[in-house]
C-alpha atoms as a PDB file:
ATOM      1  CA  VAL A   1     -74.969  -8.932-130.890  1.00  0.00           C
ATOM      2  CA  GLN A   2     -75.727  -8.884-134.595  1.00  0.00           C
ATOM      3  CA  LEU A   3     -75.782 -11.952-136.807  1.00  0.00           C
ATOM      4  CA  GLN A   4     -75.406 -11.829-140.582  1.00  0.00           C
ATOM      5  CA  ALA A   5     -76.265 -14.991-142.493  1.00  0.00           C
ATOM      6  CA  SER A   6     -75.098 -15.618-146.038  1.00  0.00           C
ATOM      7  CA  GLY A   7     -74.336 -18.376-148.527  1.00  0.00           C
ATOM      8  CA  GLY A   8     -77.808 -19.375-149.640  1.00  0.00           C
ATOM      9  CA  GLY A   9     -78.691 -19.954-153.253  1.00  0.00           C
ATOM     10  CA  LEU A  10     -80.131 -22.272-155.851  1.00  0.00           C
ATOM     11  CA  VAL A  11     -78.671 -25.760-156.139  1.00  0.00           C
ATOM     12  CA  GLN A  12     -79.701 -29.022-157.762  1.00  0.00           C
ATOM     13  CA  ALA A  13     -80.682 -32.028-155.703  1.00  0.00           C
ATOM     14  CA  GLY A  14     -77.585 -33.865-154.548  1.00  0.00           C
ATOM     15  CA  GLY A  15     -75.530 -30.692-154.499  1.00  0.00           C
ATOM     16  CA  SER A  16     -73.856 -28.834-151.658  1.00  0.00           C
ATOM     17  CA  LEU A  17     -73.901 -25.388-150.102  1.00  0.00           C
ATOM     18  CA  ARG A  18     -72.149 -23.795-147.161  1.00  0.00           C
ATOM     19  CA  LEU A  19     -73.974 -21.225-145.090  1.00  0.00           C
ATOM     20  CA  SER A  20     -72.129 -18.696-142.948  1.00  0.00           C
ATOM     21  CA  CYS A  21     -73.313 -16.610-140.024  1.00  0.00           C
ATOM     22  CA  ALA A  22     -70.979 -13.806-138.950  1.00  0.00           C
ATOM     23  CA  ALA A  23     -71.423 -12.541-135.407  1.00  0.00           C
ATOM     24  CA  SER A  24     -70.481  -9.018-134.370  1.00  0.00           C
ATOM     25  CA  GLY A  25     -70.497  -7.638-130.867  1.00  0.00           C
ATOM     26  CA  SER A  26     -69.513  -9.342-127.649  1.00  0.00           C
ATOM     27  CA  MET A  27     -70.018 -13.092-127.600  1.00  0.00           C
ATOM     28  CA  ILE A  28     -68.951 -13.360-123.946  1.00  0.00           C
ATOM     29  CA  GLY A  29     -71.215 -15.797-122.158  1.00  0.00           C
ATOM     30  CA  TRP A  30     -72.675 -17.412-125.238  1.00  0.00           C
ATOM     31  CA  ARG A  31     -74.087 -20.884-124.651  1.00  0.00           C
ATOM     32  CA  SER A  32     -74.802 -22.210-128.123  1.00  0.00           C
ATOM     33  CA  MET A  33     -75.342 -21.235-131.731  1.00  0.00           C
ATOM     34  CA  ALA A  34     -77.811 -22.887-134.026  1.00  0.00           C
ATOM     35  CA  TRP A  35     -79.384 -23.034-137.451  1.00  0.00           C
ATOM     36  CA  TYR A  36     -83.113 -23.136-138.006  1.00  0.00           C
ATOM     37  CA  ARG A  37     -85.146 -23.123-141.206  1.00  0.00           C
ATOM     38  CA  GLN A  38     -88.608 -22.054-142.195  1.00  0.00           C
ATOM     39  CA  VAL A  39     -90.896 -22.686-145.125  1.00  0.00           C
ATOM     40  CA  PRO A  40     -93.656 -20.086-145.675  1.00  0.00           C
ATOM     41  CA  GLY A  41     -96.748 -21.065-143.733  1.00  0.00           C
ATOM     42  CA  ASN A  42     -94.836 -23.432-141.450  1.00  0.00           C
ATOM     43  CA  GLU A  43     -93.218 -23.105-138.049  1.00  0.00           C
ATOM     44  CA  ARG A  44     -89.508 -22.379-137.877  1.00  0.00           C
ATOM     45  CA  GLU A  45     -87.785 -25.719-137.308  1.00  0.00           C
ATOM     46  CA  TYR A  46     -84.553 -26.718-135.664  1.00  0.00           C
ATOM     47  CA  VAL A  47     -81.718 -27.911-137.909  1.00  0.00           C
ATOM     48  CA  ALA A  48     -78.481 -28.103-135.920  1.00  0.00           C
ATOM     49  CA  GLU A  49     -76.746 -26.650-132.881  1.00  0.00           C
ATOM     50  CA  ILE A  50     -73.209 -26.292-131.548  1.00  0.00           C
ATOM     51  CA  GLY A  51     -72.370 -25.620-127.921  1.00  0.00           C
ATOM     52  CA  ARG A  52     -69.464 -23.684-126.450  1.00  0.00           C
ATOM     53  CA  TRP A  53     -67.558 -26.944-125.962  1.00  0.00           C
ATOM     54  CA  ASN A  54     -68.060 -27.808-129.642  1.00  0.00           C
ATOM     55  CA  ASN A  55     -70.706 -30.355-128.799  1.00  0.00           C
ATOM     56  CA  THR A  56     -73.110 -30.692-131.713  1.00  0.00           C
ATOM     57  CA  ASN A  57     -76.652 -31.867-132.235  1.00  0.00           C
ATOM     58  CA  TYR A  58     -78.693 -32.377-135.387  1.00  0.00           C
ATOM     59  CA  ASP A  59     -82.260 -32.897-136.374  1.00  0.00           C
ATOM     60  CA  ALA A  60     -82.775 -36.422-137.684  1.00  0.00           C
ATOM     61  CA  SER A  61     -83.723 -35.107-141.128  1.00  0.00           C
ATOM     62  CA  VAL A  62     -80.239 -33.633-141.712  1.00  0.00           C
ATOM     63  CA  LYS A  63     -77.987 -35.906-139.670  1.00  0.00           C
ATOM     64  CA  GLY A  64     -75.248 -37.349-141.821  1.00  0.00           C
ATOM     65  CA  ARG A  65     -75.762 -34.722-144.539  1.00  0.00           C
ATOM     66  CA  PHE A  66     -75.207 -31.416-142.715  1.00  0.00           C
ATOM     67  CA  THR A  67     -72.269 -30.384-140.534  1.00  0.00           C
ATOM     68  CA  ILE A  68     -72.331 -27.445-138.146  1.00  0.00           C
ATOM     69  CA  SER A  69     -69.076 -25.814-137.101  1.00  0.00           C
ATOM     70  CA  ARG A  70     -67.760 -22.568-135.687  1.00  0.00           C
ATOM     71  CA  ASP A  71     -64.600 -20.552-136.216  1.00  0.00           C
ATOM     72  CA  SER A  72     -64.129 -19.004-132.785  1.00  0.00           C
ATOM     73  CA  ALA A  73     -61.330 -16.700-133.911  1.00  0.00           C
ATOM     74  CA  LYS A  74     -63.527 -15.141-136.595  1.00  0.00           C
ATOM     75  CA  ASN A  75     -66.831 -15.524-134.721  1.00  0.00           C
ATOM     76  CA  VAL A  76     -68.399 -17.235-137.706  1.00  0.00           C
ATOM     77  CA  LEU A  77     -70.878 -20.109-137.604  1.00  0.00           C
ATOM     78  CA  TYR A  78     -71.077 -22.465-140.580  1.00  0.00           C
ATOM     79  CA  LEU A  79     -73.481 -25.037-141.910  1.00  0.00           C
ATOM     80  CA  GLN A  80     -72.031 -27.339-144.545  1.00  0.00           C
ATOM     81  CA  MET A  81     -74.934 -28.926-146.390  1.00  0.00           C
ATOM     82  CA  SER A  82     -74.386 -31.919-148.666  1.00  0.00           C
ATOM     83  CA  ASN A  83     -76.632 -34.277-150.599  1.00  0.00           C
ATOM     84  CA  LEU A  84     -79.302 -31.602-150.602  1.00  0.00           C
ATOM     85  CA  ARG A  85     -82.920 -32.526-151.220  1.00  0.00           C
ATOM     86  CA  PRO A  86     -85.855 -30.459-152.483  1.00  0.00           C
ATOM     87  CA  THR A  87     -87.325 -30.815-148.979  1.00  0.00           C
ATOM     88  CA  ASP A  88     -84.360 -28.801-147.656  1.00  0.00           C
ATOM     89  CA  THR A  89     -85.710 -25.747-149.480  1.00  0.00           C
ATOM     90  CA  ALA A  90     -86.351 -23.040-146.892  1.00  0.00           C
ATOM     91  CA  VAL A  91     -85.123 -19.780-145.451  1.00  0.00           C
ATOM     92  CA  TYR A  92     -82.280 -20.617-143.071  1.00  0.00           C
ATOM     93  CA  TYR A  93     -81.732 -18.578-139.901  1.00  0.00           C
ATOM     94  CA  CYS A  94     -78.881 -18.585-137.420  1.00  0.00           C
ATOM     95  CA  ASN A  95     -79.154 -17.742-133.747  1.00  0.00           C
ATOM     96  CA  ALA A  96     -76.927 -17.273-130.714  1.00  0.00           C
ATOM     97  CA  LYS A  97     -78.161 -18.188-127.260  1.00  0.00           C
ATOM     98  CA  PHE A  98     -76.926 -16.566-124.080  1.00  0.00           C
ATOM     99  CA  ASN A  99     -77.992 -17.014-120.463  1.00  0.00           C
ATOM    100  CA  GLY A 100     -80.535 -14.313-121.070  1.00  0.00           C
ATOM    101  CA  PRO A 101     -81.417 -13.320-124.604  1.00  0.00           C
ATOM    102  CA  THR A 102     -81.341 -15.180-127.884  1.00  0.00           C
ATOM    103  CA  TYR A 103     -80.295 -13.263-130.968  1.00  0.00           C
ATOM    104  CA  TRP A 104     -81.388 -14.045-134.516  1.00  0.00           C
ATOM    105  CA  GLY A 105     -79.897 -13.194-137.853  1.00  0.00           C
ATOM    106  CA  GLN A 106     -81.835 -12.422-140.989  1.00  0.00           C
ATOM    107  CA  GLY A 107     -82.534 -15.422-143.165  1.00  0.00           C
ATOM    108  CA  THR A 108     -80.779 -16.717-146.245  1.00  0.00           C
ATOM    109  CA  GLN A 109     -82.795 -18.548-148.884  1.00  0.00           C
ATOM    110  CA  VAL A 110     -81.815 -22.058-149.908  1.00  0.00           C
ATOM    111  CA  THR A 111     -83.632 -23.526-152.895  1.00  0.00           C
ATOM    112  CA  VAL A 112     -83.010 -27.091-154.015  1.00  0.00           C
ATOM    113  CA  SER A 113     -84.359 -28.046-157.428  1.00  0.00           C
ATOM    114  CA  SER A 114     -85.251 -31.605-158.350  1.00  0.00           C
END
């Protein structure tokens, strides 16, 4: 499985961005897909997750502002980000969890200016 993240960029505080994560390869047996983010020098932190039954979960810092979704026909994971804050600035990574391995995509940079 390969994951390709895109959609990052520079946006002003209060603005919106939509990240995409395209999955290629067999997704049979996947359990969940998620977004994480990382600021240089810090640990990678959990942002949001969607399970195979479309159940979702969010970190408290993004709840109500971010929406995770998945297009199963296209095998694309999305993260709609609204009301962005400078503290949301980070490299955003997507992953796909299976019963065994977890696959990660490369990151996409999101920069929110004040």
